[in-house]
């Protein structure tokens, strides 16, 4: 290998963290031609990871490494969300007794690459496509292995849980998760509530925070939040909460 090629491979190895996927399009942007990428594969520096993707030879990549690639190299908004984000941040005491389920959220305009969709990540990925919250607010950096990626902050994660409720996420479980979040930043919650397009999510979030007696709720300016008009029946045969004009499950209303 020439000195120039040795320098390029060393540079690539230094900028690409272990445990992530390298997309051909990103490598092209960095000055690594398709011919050079093929040469790296033949030299066993890298190996193919599906169409348009490579990984370091003998490297292992989990779903978090793949999502870091989607975010950093392809500029996609897909991220670990809802209860998954809370679990990653140690905010959930709930254990998965069956196959581990990972909740991902992304915006409607995005298309996930085939190498991501076809690979077996040893977890059950559930993708939720929605724009009920802007993609760029309420996110935090999560450190994993030698890299970081964006995941939902606790406040955003709770709202994502409420978006899935009650059909795909038990409301009582969401309340118990929110009950333990004493240190939500009011400014973050305020921005999320003002930007959220789901009246159901906003009313449930405020109701649960009120029921839990969280001090940070007193700093929320309700005048800036559009809570819509009329009643919302979240579940049938529930209990009506007049302050928030919602009907919630009886077991949630009785929960102390």
Foldseek 3Di string as FASTA:
>chain_A
DDPVLVVVVVVVPVVDDFQAKDFQVLCVVVPQHPVNVVVCVVVQQWHDLDPRIIHGRPTHHALVRHVQCCCPRVVWLKAFAAVRLCVLVVLDPDDDPDFAETEIEGEPVDDDDPSNVVDCRSGHYDYDYDPQAPSPAQWDWHDDDPDIDIHHHLLRNLLVLQVCPDPRHPLLSSLVSVLSPQPDALVRNQVRQLRGPDLSSNLSSLVSCVVSVHPSSVVHDCVSGPNDDAAEERDPPACADVVSRYGDHPCNVPPD
